[in-house]
């Protein structure tokens, strides 16, 4: 019977790891569909960003209370799952609390610390559910989250509550069996929180207690493996991708826009034709119409988005009723990228499906509403730049489709003819001085 359980557990673990690895491989492939962008400079600054923004959650502490609660979930869930190592080894080797004997009193200390963190995670998850569904903060009731995104966020919080409860129930029933002197459950010392529940369970009888303990053990580990495989389909993928995204954050000042060398060269060659090379190639495309036209960093941004809505709350266009929502820009980019990935899985390569990120997912009205103020970039806790995607899509609109409002076209014409946005000839620009 024990051997059968070990085989079943090992197979379950292997299948879970294979499925997770397969999906992560697909996500990596999707990200690499983007254009090349060199972000390997200034390694010291990048490691600092990784430590402060991803591990330290520096930007979250603009709101200290929320930051502390988020840190409890983040640290608690990660640290508690160190205990998963023991569960995995127990399941594979057919042992029970493998490290208890060798670690002695330190083992009890560690489990007590885990229990305190588990209760912290439980409490904060409940608070976050209340904020989303009862208090209904504006950024959580936005139409951006209608449908699956809202269900996803609530489902993850509920899952964490269930997993932490199973952890505490597992310890309580285990301790009750220890107190009853069951031969398989050796004394580990009292657990700080589940220990008070153990005496209440003692009277249920050893056979029932073993059933409770084993059920909680299996549900806990299977739940964690299921959570692991759900992660790549969820906004909570940021648990993993926040780290590389912080490391590869663009280090230029927020107000600096990336020019296209092809355009700069066109202007240069128009002014100095002798500099134009004889075999100068015409750019195949200006800006971005679909996800493959964006850089790999833009696509990593899309997968790293936490859907927290801080960007949209800070966006002046969004707050004044415009259609633009930086959060939706990132969600739409990820949705389109996933759609492209599914087509590649189906056909072996991408075949044009008649859709594109521009127009089918993100509208012209959304793009035109952006003031390029960089508030969304400043606000994002995981170093995402919605503005970078917006600018590339707008470039495609203007330069590929000549799709610009009348006011913009007038400005473009003035810049081309008068070298300034205003409708004054260069020779007339200083006349106001003489009139003074």
Protein backbone atom coordinates (compact mmCIF):
# COMPACT_ATOMS: atom_id res chain seq x y z
CA UNK A 1 0.00 0.00 0.00
CA UNK A 2 2.81 2.41 0.94
CA UNK A 3 4.71 1.65 -2.29
CA UNK A 4 1.55 2.31 -4.33
CA UNK A 5 1.14 5.72 -2.65
CA UNK A 6 4.78 6.59 -3.36
CA UNK A 7 4.40 5.64 -7.03
CA UNK A 8 1.15 7.60 -7.36
CA UNK A 9 2.70 10.65 -5.65
CA UNK A 10 5.83 10.54 -7.82
CA UNK A 11 3.73 10.27 -11.00
CA UNK A 12 1.53 13.18 -9.89
CA UNK A 13 4.61 15.29 -9.16
CA UNK A 14 6.24 14.41 -12.49
CA UNK A 15 3.09 15.24 -14.49
CA UNK A 16 2.68 18.57 -12.65
CA UNK A 17 6.30 19.57 -13.29
CA UNK A 18 6.07 18.52 -16.96
CA UNK A 19 2.88 20.50 -17.57
CA UNK A 20 4.30 23.57 -15.82
CA UNK A 21 7.58 23.37 -17.75
CA UNK A 22 5.71 22.98 -21.05
CA UNK A 23 3.62 26.11 -20.46
CA UNK A 24 6.59 28.14 -19.25
CA UNK A 25 8.42 27.08 -22.43
CA UNK A 26 5.51 28.38 -24.51
CA UNK A 27 5.52 31.69 -22.65
CA UNK A 28 9.27 32.06 -23.21
CA UNK A 29 8.77 31.33 -26.92
CA UNK A 30 5.97 33.91 -27.10
CA UNK A 31 8.11 36.59 -25.44
CA UNK A 32 10.95 35.90 -27.86
CA UNK A 33 8.61 36.55 -30.80
CA UNK A 34 9.33 40.20 -30.06
CA UNK A 35 12.08 42.21 -31.70
CA UNK A 36 15.59 42.34 -30.29
CA UNK A 37 16.38 44.98 -27.66
CA UNK A 38 19.70 45.17 -25.82
CA UNK A 39 19.13 45.66 -22.09
CA UNK A 40 22.36 44.15 -20.81
CA UNK A 41 24.12 47.37 -19.74
CA UNK A 42 24.70 48.71 -16.21
CA UNK A 43 24.50 45.36 -14.45
CA UNK A 44 25.10 46.92 -11.01
CA UNK A 45 22.05 49.17 -11.36
CA UNK A 46 19.99 46.27 -12.71
CA UNK A 47 20.82 44.03 -9.74
CA UNK A 48 19.93 46.94 -7.45
CA UNK A 49 16.55 47.26 -9.19
CA UNK A 50 16.00 43.52 -8.81
CA UNK A 51 16.64 43.68 -5.07
CA UNK A 52 14.71 46.90 -4.38
CA UNK A 53 11.76 46.64 -6.79
CA UNK A 54 11.15 42.88 -6.96
CA UNK A 55 12.39 41.51 -3.62
CA UNK A 56 11.96 44.71 -1.59
CA UNK A 57 8.78 45.90 -3.35
CA UNK A 58 10.03 49.46 -3.04
CA UNK A 59 7.26 51.13 -5.05
CA UNK A 60 4.55 49.38 -3.06
CA UNK A 61 5.63 51.30 0.03
CA UNK A 62 4.18 54.52 -1.34
CA UNK A 63 1.14 53.20 0.55
CA UNK A 64 2.78 51.65 3.65
CA UNK A 65 -0.26 49.81 5.04
CA UNK A 66 -1.11 48.07 1.75
CA UNK A 67 2.60 47.41 1.17
CA UNK A 68 2.97 45.64 4.51
CA UNK A 69 -0.10 43.48 3.83
CA UNK A 70 1.13 42.60 0.35
CA UNK A 71 4.55 41.78 1.75
CA UNK A 72 2.97 39.41 4.29
CA UNK A 73 1.25 37.49 1.46
CA UNK A 74 4.37 37.56 -0.70
CA UNK A 75 6.86 36.56 2.02
CA UNK A 76 4.45 34.27 3.83
CA UNK A 77 3.42 32.25 0.83
CA UNK A 78 6.98 31.92 -0.48
CA UNK A 79 8.57 31.06 2.88
CA UNK A 80 5.83 28.68 3.98
CA UNK A 81 6.32 26.72 0.78
CA UNK A 82 9.85 25.88 1.88
CA UNK A 83 7.92 23.29 3.88
CA UNK A 84 6.87 21.81 0.53
CA UNK A 85 10.40 20.43 0.17
CA UNK A 86 9.81 18.17 3.14
CA UNK A 87 6.38 17.12 1.86
CA UNK A 88 7.84 16.24 -1.55
CA UNK A 89 10.59 14.13 -0.01
CA UNK A 90 8.10 12.47 2.36
CA UNK A 91 5.86 11.58 -0.58
CA UNK A 92 8.68 10.20 -2.73
CA UNK A 93 10.49 8.31 0.05
CA UNK A 94 7.41 7.20 2.00
CA UNK A 95 8.53 9.03 5.15
CA UNK A 96 6.70 11.27 7.61
CA UNK A 97 8.20 14.61 8.72
CA UNK A 98 11.61 13.63 7.39
CA UNK A 99 13.50 16.54 8.96
CA UNK A 100 11.88 16.43 12.42
CA UNK A 101 14.33 14.04 14.06
CA UNK A 102 17.51 15.58 12.64
CA UNK A 103 16.53 19.20 13.35
CA UNK A 104 14.98 18.58 16.78
CA UNK A 105 13.80 21.73 18.59
CA UNK A 106 14.75 23.89 15.59
CA UNK A 107 12.19 21.98 13.51
CA UNK A 108 9.43 22.98 15.96
CA UNK A 109 10.65 26.59 15.88
CA UNK A 110 10.56 26.67 12.07
CA UNK A 111 7.04 25.14 11.91
CA UNK A 112 5.82 27.64 14.50
CA UNK A 113 7.23 30.47 12.42
CA UNK A 114 5.47 29.04 9.36
CA UNK A 115 2.19 28.90 11.29
CA UNK A 116 2.42 32.57 12.24
CA UNK A 117 3.03 33.44 8.61
CA UNK A 118 0.12 31.23 7.53
CA UNK A 119 -2.26 33.10 9.82
CA UNK A 120 -0.89 36.40 8.49
CA UNK A 121 -1.53 35.26 4.90
CA UNK A 122 -5.04 34.12 5.86
CA UNK A 123 -5.90 37.46 7.47
CA UNK A 124 -4.50 39.59 4.62
CA UNK A 125 -6.24 37.49 1.94
CA UNK A 126 -9.56 38.05 3.72
CA UNK A 127 -8.86 41.80 3.91
CA UNK A 128 -8.01 41.91 0.21
CA UNK A 129 -11.22 40.04 -0.65
CA UNK A 130 -13.17 42.61 1.37
CA UNK A 131 -11.41 45.48 -0.44
CA UNK A 132 -12.26 43.98 -3.82
CA UNK A 133 -15.81 42.78 -3.23
CA UNK A 134 -17.34 44.72 -0.33
CA UNK A 135 -15.54 48.08 -0.11
CA UNK A 136 -15.07 47.92 -3.92
CA UNK A 137 -12.15 50.28 -4.49
CA UNK A 138 -12.47 52.06 -7.84
CA UNK A 139 -9.51 50.32 -9.48
CA UNK A 140 -11.00 46.92 -8.61
CA UNK A 141 -14.46 47.59 -10.05
CA UNK A 142 -13.22 49.04 -13.33
CA UNK A 143 -14.71 47.52 -16.48
CA UNK A 144 -11.13 46.46 -17.38
CA UNK A 145 -11.63 43.56 -14.96
CA UNK A 146 -15.09 42.45 -16.08
CA UNK A 147 -15.34 38.72 -16.59
CA UNK A 148 -12.42 36.38 -16.08
CA UNK A 149 -9.84 38.87 -14.65
CA UNK A 150 -12.03 39.59 -11.61
CA UNK A 151 -12.76 35.89 -11.09
CA UNK A 152 -9.05 35.13 -11.42
CA UNK A 153 -8.09 37.63 -8.70
CA UNK A 154 -10.74 36.39 -6.26
CA UNK A 155 -9.97 32.75 -7.04
CA UNK A 156 -6.29 33.14 -6.19
CA UNK A 157 -7.08 34.78 -2.85
CA UNK A 158 -9.56 32.03 -1.97
CA UNK A 159 -7.04 29.36 -3.02
CA UNK A 160 -4.41 30.85 -0.72
CA UNK A 161 -6.91 30.86 2.16
CA UNK A 162 -7.71 27.18 1.53
CA UNK A 163 -4.02 26.18 1.29
CA UNK A 164 -3.11 27.98 4.52
CA UNK A 165 -6.12 26.43 6.30
CA UNK A 166 -5.09 22.97 5.11
CA UNK A 167 -1.57 23.60 6.43
CA UNK A 168 -2.91 24.47 9.88
CA UNK A 169 -5.36 21.53 9.87
CA UNK A 170 -2.54 19.20 8.83
CA UNK A 171 -0.41 20.31 11.77
CA UNK A 172 -3.33 20.17 14.23
CA UNK A 173 -4.36 16.62 13.31
CA UNK A 174 -0.71 15.52 13.27
CA UNK A 175 -0.18 16.94 16.75
CA UNK A 176 -3.39 15.28 18.01
CA UNK A 177 -2.08 11.91 16.80
CA UNK A 178 1.21 12.59 18.56
CA UNK A 179 -0.64 13.32 21.81
CA UNK A 180 -2.62 10.08 21.36
CA UNK A 181 0.67 8.18 21.08
CA UNK A 182 0.14 6.90 17.53
CA UNK A 183 3.24 4.92 16.55
CA UNK A 184 3.72 6.58 13.16
CA UNK A 185 3.47 10.17 14.47
CA UNK A 186 6.53 10.98 16.56
CA UNK A 187 6.60 13.90 18.98
CA UNK A 188 7.68 17.18 17.37
CA UNK A 189 6.76 19.46 20.25
CA UNK A 190 3.67 21.66 20.42
CA UNK A 191 2.79 23.91 17.48
CA UNK A 192 2.14 27.51 18.48
CA UNK A 193 -1.26 27.92 16.76
CA UNK A 194 -2.51 24.52 15.64
CA UNK A 195 -1.39 23.11 19.00
CA UNK A 196 -4.43 24.58 20.77
CA UNK A 197 -6.73 22.87 18.25
CA UNK A 198 -5.06 19.46 18.66
CA UNK A 199 -6.65 18.59 22.06
CA UNK A 200 -10.08 19.29 20.58
CA UNK A 201 -9.40 16.71 17.85
CA UNK A 202 -8.00 14.00 20.12
CA UNK A 203 -11.38 12.55 21.01
CA UNK A 204 -12.28 11.84 17.38
CA UNK A 205 -10.23 8.63 17.41
CA UNK A 206 -6.98 7.72 15.73
CA UNK A 207 -8.46 6.25 12.55
CA UNK A 208 -10.48 9.42 11.91
CA UNK A 209 -7.50 11.60 12.77
CA UNK A 210 -5.28 9.71 10.34
CA UNK A 211 -7.92 10.19 7.64
CA UNK A 212 -8.07 13.94 8.40
CA UNK A 213 -4.28 14.27 8.48
CA UNK A 214 -3.73 12.29 5.26
CA UNK A 215 -6.56 14.12 3.46
CA UNK A 216 -5.17 17.52 4.50
CA UNK A 217 -1.66 16.40 3.46
CA UNK A 218 -2.77 15.26 -0.01
CA UNK A 219 -5.05 18.25 -0.60
CA UNK A 220 -2.32 20.64 0.50
CA UNK A 221 0.37 19.29 -1.83
CA UNK A 222 -1.98 18.63 -4.76
CA UNK A 223 -3.38 22.13 -4.27
CA UNK A 224 0.11 23.60 -4.44
CA UNK A 225 0.90 21.62 -7.62
CA UNK A 226 -2.43 22.74 -9.14
CA UNK A 227 -1.65 26.34 -8.15
CA UNK A 228 1.77 25.98 -9.79
CA UNK A 229 0.15 24.95 -13.07
CA UNK A 230 -2.55 27.60 -12.87
CA UNK A 231 0.05 30.33 -12.36
CA UNK A 232 1.09 30.66 -16.06
CA UNK A 233 -2.56 31.26 -17.04
CA UNK A 234 -3.11 33.89 -14.34
CA UNK A 235 -2.11 37.46 -13.61
CA UNK A 236 -0.22 35.96 -10.67
CA UNK A 237 2.52 34.94 -13.09
CA UNK A 238 4.08 38.18 -11.85
CA UNK A 239 5.18 36.17 -8.80
CA UNK A 240 7.87 34.79 -11.11
CA UNK A 241 8.29 37.38 -13.86
CA UNK A 242 8.54 40.45 -11.60
CA UNK A 243 12.18 39.52 -10.98
CA UNK A 244 13.47 39.42 -14.60
CA UNK A 245 11.21 42.35 -15.46
CA UNK A 246 12.77 44.49 -12.73
CA UNK A 247 16.26 43.47 -13.82
CA UNK A 248 15.62 44.32 -17.48
CA UNK A 249 13.82 47.60 -16.77
CA UNK A 250 14.79 50.44 -19.12
CA UNK A 251 17.20 52.76 -17.34
CA UNK A 252 16.70 55.93 -19.40
CA UNK A 253 14.87 58.89 -17.82
CA UNK A 254 11.10 58.37 -18.04
CA UNK A 255 10.60 61.35 -20.37
CA UNK A 256 13.08 60.11 -22.96
CA UNK A 257 11.45 58.69 -26.07
CA UNK A 258 13.22 56.17 -28.27
CA UNK A 259 13.72 57.55 -31.77
CA UNK A 260 13.83 55.42 -34.89
CA UNK A 261 17.29 55.59 -36.53
CA UNK A 262 15.66 54.98 -39.92
CA UNK A 263 13.64 58.21 -39.57
CA UNK A 264 16.62 60.20 -38.34
CA UNK A 265 18.64 58.95 -41.30
CA UNK A 266 15.87 59.89 -43.75
CA UNK A 267 16.00 63.48 -42.47
CA UNK A 268 19.79 63.49 -42.54
CA UNK A 269 19.93 62.15 -46.11
CA UNK A 270 17.34 64.70 -47.25
CA UNK A 271 19.52 67.51 -45.92
CA UNK A 272 22.84 65.95 -46.98
CA UNK A 273 22.18 63.54 -49.90
CA UNK A 274 25.88 62.84 -50.30
CA UNK A 275 25.81 60.90 -47.00
CA UNK A 276 23.16 58.45 -48.21
CA UNK A 277 24.61 54.99 -48.91
CA UNK A 278 23.96 53.61 -52.38
CA UNK A 279 22.26 50.48 -51.07
CA UNK A 280 20.29 52.03 -48.22
CA UNK A 281 17.41 49.68 -47.37
CA UNK A 282 13.93 51.03 -46.83
CA UNK A 283 12.52 50.06 -43.40
CA UNK A 284 10.04 47.20 -43.72
CA UNK A 285 7.74 48.64 -41.11
CA UNK A 286 7.37 51.70 -38.91
CA UNK A 287 6.15 51.27 -35.36
CA UNK A 288 4.11 48.23 -34.30
CA UNK A 289 0.81 46.90 -35.56
CA UNK A 290 0.92 43.47 -33.90
CA UNK A 291 2.72 41.88 -30.97
CA UNK A 292 5.57 40.56 -33.15
CA UNK A 293 6.46 44.18 -34.01
CA UNK A 294 7.01 45.05 -30.35
CA UNK A 295 10.26 44.31 -28.50
CA UNK A 296 10.68 41.23 -26.31
CA UNK A 297 10.73 43.58 -23.29
CA UNK A 298 7.27 44.90 -24.20
CA UNK A 299 6.01 41.31 -24.31
CA UNK A 300 7.71 40.45 -21.00
CA UNK A 301 5.95 43.53 -19.56
CA UNK A 302 2.61 42.16 -20.75
CA UNK A 303 3.12 38.82 -19.02
CA UNK A 304 4.43 40.54 -15.86
CA UNK A 305 1.36 42.77 -15.39
CA UNK A 306 -0.31 42.28 -12.00
CA UNK A 307 -3.54 44.00 -13.14
CA UNK A 308 -3.40 46.06 -9.93
CA UNK A 309 -4.69 49.16 -11.73
CA UNK A 310 -2.28 51.65 -10.16
CA UNK A 311 -1.27 52.78 -13.66
CA UNK A 312 -4.86 53.53 -14.68
CA UNK A 313 -5.58 55.30 -11.39
CA UNK A 314 -2.59 57.59 -12.02
CA UNK A 315 -3.45 58.14 -15.70
CA UNK A 316 -4.92 61.66 -16.24
CA UNK A 317 -6.67 60.55 -19.43
CA UNK A 318 -8.37 57.67 -17.64
CA UNK A 319 -9.33 59.81 -14.66
CA UNK A 320 -10.98 62.41 -16.88
CA UNK A 321 -13.21 59.85 -18.58
CA UNK A 322 -11.16 59.07 -21.68
CA UNK A 323 -11.23 55.55 -23.07
CA UNK A 324 -7.52 54.92 -22.34
CA UNK A 325 -6.58 52.54 -19.53
CA UNK A 326 -2.87 51.59 -19.32
CA UNK A 327 -3.86 48.40 -17.49
CA UNK A 328 -6.09 47.40 -20.41
CA UNK A 329 -3.22 48.10 -22.84
CA UNK A 330 -1.11 45.50 -21.03
CA UNK A 331 -3.97 43.00 -20.69
CA UNK A 332 -4.84 43.34 -24.39
CA UNK A 333 -1.20 42.83 -25.39
CA UNK A 334 -0.99 39.66 -23.30
CA UNK A 335 -4.32 38.37 -24.68
CA UNK A 336 -3.21 38.92 -28.27
CA UNK A 337 0.17 37.30 -27.56
CA UNK A 338 -1.56 34.26 -26.06
CA UNK A 339 -3.81 34.07 -29.14
CA UNK A 340 -0.75 34.13 -31.41
CA UNK A 341 0.84 31.43 -29.23
CA UNK A 342 -2.22 29.19 -29.58
CA UNK A 343 -2.06 29.57 -33.38
CA UNK A 344 1.62 28.56 -33.34
CA UNK A 345 0.78 25.51 -31.19
CA UNK A 346 -1.96 24.55 -33.64
CA UNK A 347 -0.16 25.18 -36.95
CA UNK A 348 3.51 24.86 -36.01
CA UNK A 349 4.07 28.43 -37.13
CA UNK A 350 2.13 31.69 -37.10
CA UNK A 351 -0.30 32.10 -39.97
CA UNK A 352 -2.03 35.42 -40.46
CA UNK A 353 -5.45 35.23 -38.83
CA UNK A 354 -6.62 38.60 -40.09
CA UNK A 355 -6.29 40.17 -36.64
CA UNK A 356 -3.78 42.51 -35.06
CA UNK A 357 -3.13 44.15 -31.69
CA UNK A 358 -3.89 47.53 -33.23
CA UNK A 359 -7.60 47.95 -34.09
CA UNK A 360 -8.76 44.43 -33.05
CA UNK A 361 -7.62 44.78 -29.43
CA UNK A 362 -6.53 48.38 -28.89
CA UNK A 363 -8.51 51.17 -30.55
CA UNK A 364 -7.36 54.41 -32.15
CA UNK A 365 -9.32 56.39 -29.57
CA UNK A 366 -7.40 54.77 -26.70
CA UNK A 367 -4.04 55.57 -28.28
CA UNK A 368 -4.87 59.18 -29.06
CA UNK A 369 -5.95 59.84 -25.46
CA UNK A 370 -2.43 59.27 -24.11
CA UNK A 371 -0.58 62.46 -23.07
CA UNK A 372 2.79 60.63 -22.72
CA UNK A 373 3.09 61.96 -19.16
CA UNK A 374 4.72 58.70 -17.91
CA UNK A 375 2.50 58.56 -14.80
CA UNK A 376 1.70 54.89 -15.55
CA UNK A 377 5.40 54.02 -15.83
CA UNK A 378 6.24 55.80 -12.59
CA UNK A 379 3.41 54.11 -10.72
CA UNK A 380 3.97 50.48 -11.79
CA UNK A 381 5.44 48.37 -8.95
CA UNK A 382 7.09 45.87 -11.33
CA UNK A 383 8.72 48.26 -13.87
CA UNK A 384 6.21 47.91 -16.71
CA UNK A 385 5.97 50.59 -19.42
CA UNK A 386 2.53 50.77 -21.08
CA UNK A 387 3.68 54.01 -22.71
CA UNK A 388 6.33 52.19 -24.75
CA UNK A 389 3.64 50.03 -26.37
CA UNK A 390 1.34 53.02 -26.91
CA UNK A 391 4.08 54.96 -28.71
CA UNK A 392 4.92 52.06 -31.03
CA UNK A 393 1.26 51.56 -31.96
CA UNK A 394 0.82 55.29 -32.56
CA UNK A 395 3.87 55.28 -34.82
CA UNK A 396 2.23 52.58 -36.91
CA UNK A 397 -1.00 54.59 -37.07
CA UNK A 398 0.75 57.75 -38.22
CA UNK A 399 3.52 56.39 -40.44
CA UNK A 400 1.93 53.28 -41.87
CA UNK A 401 -1.72 54.32 -42.10
CA UNK A 402 -1.46 58.14 -42.17
CA UNK A 403 -4.14 57.98 -39.52
CA UNK A 404 -3.98 61.18 -37.49
CA UNK A 405 -6.57 63.78 -36.44
CA UNK A 406 -6.72 67.11 -38.27
CA UNK A 407 -4.93 68.96 -35.47
CA UNK A 408 -1.98 66.57 -35.57
CA UNK A 409 -1.69 66.77 -39.35
CA UNK A 410 -1.56 70.57 -39.15
CA UNK A 411 1.23 70.32 -36.59
CA UNK A 412 3.15 67.80 -38.72
CA UNK A 413 2.85 70.11 -41.73
CA UNK A 414 4.13 73.08 -39.72
CA UNK A 415 7.10 71.10 -38.43
CA UNK A 416 7.93 69.97 -41.97
CA UNK A 417 7.60 73.42 -43.54
CA UNK A 418 8.38 75.83 -40.70
CA UNK A 419 10.60 73.66 -38.47
CA UNK A 420 8.26 74.30 -35.52
CA UNK A 421 4.70 73.33 -34.51
CA UNK A 422 3.44 76.87 -35.15
CA UNK A 423 2.22 78.35 -38.43
CA UNK A 424 4.90 80.99 -38.65
CA UNK A 425 7.69 81.11 -41.19
CA UNK A 426 11.16 80.98 -39.59
CA UNK A 427 11.90 84.51 -40.77
CA UNK A 428 8.76 85.85 -39.06
CA UNK A 429 9.30 84.10 -35.74
CA UNK A 430 11.13 86.99 -34.06
CA UNK A 431 8.82 89.79 -35.23
CA UNK A 432 7.07 89.98 -31.89
CA UNK A 433 10.32 91.26 -30.38
CA UNK A 434 10.36 94.31 -32.65
CA UNK A 435 6.68 94.92 -32.00
CA UNK A 436 7.42 95.16 -28.27
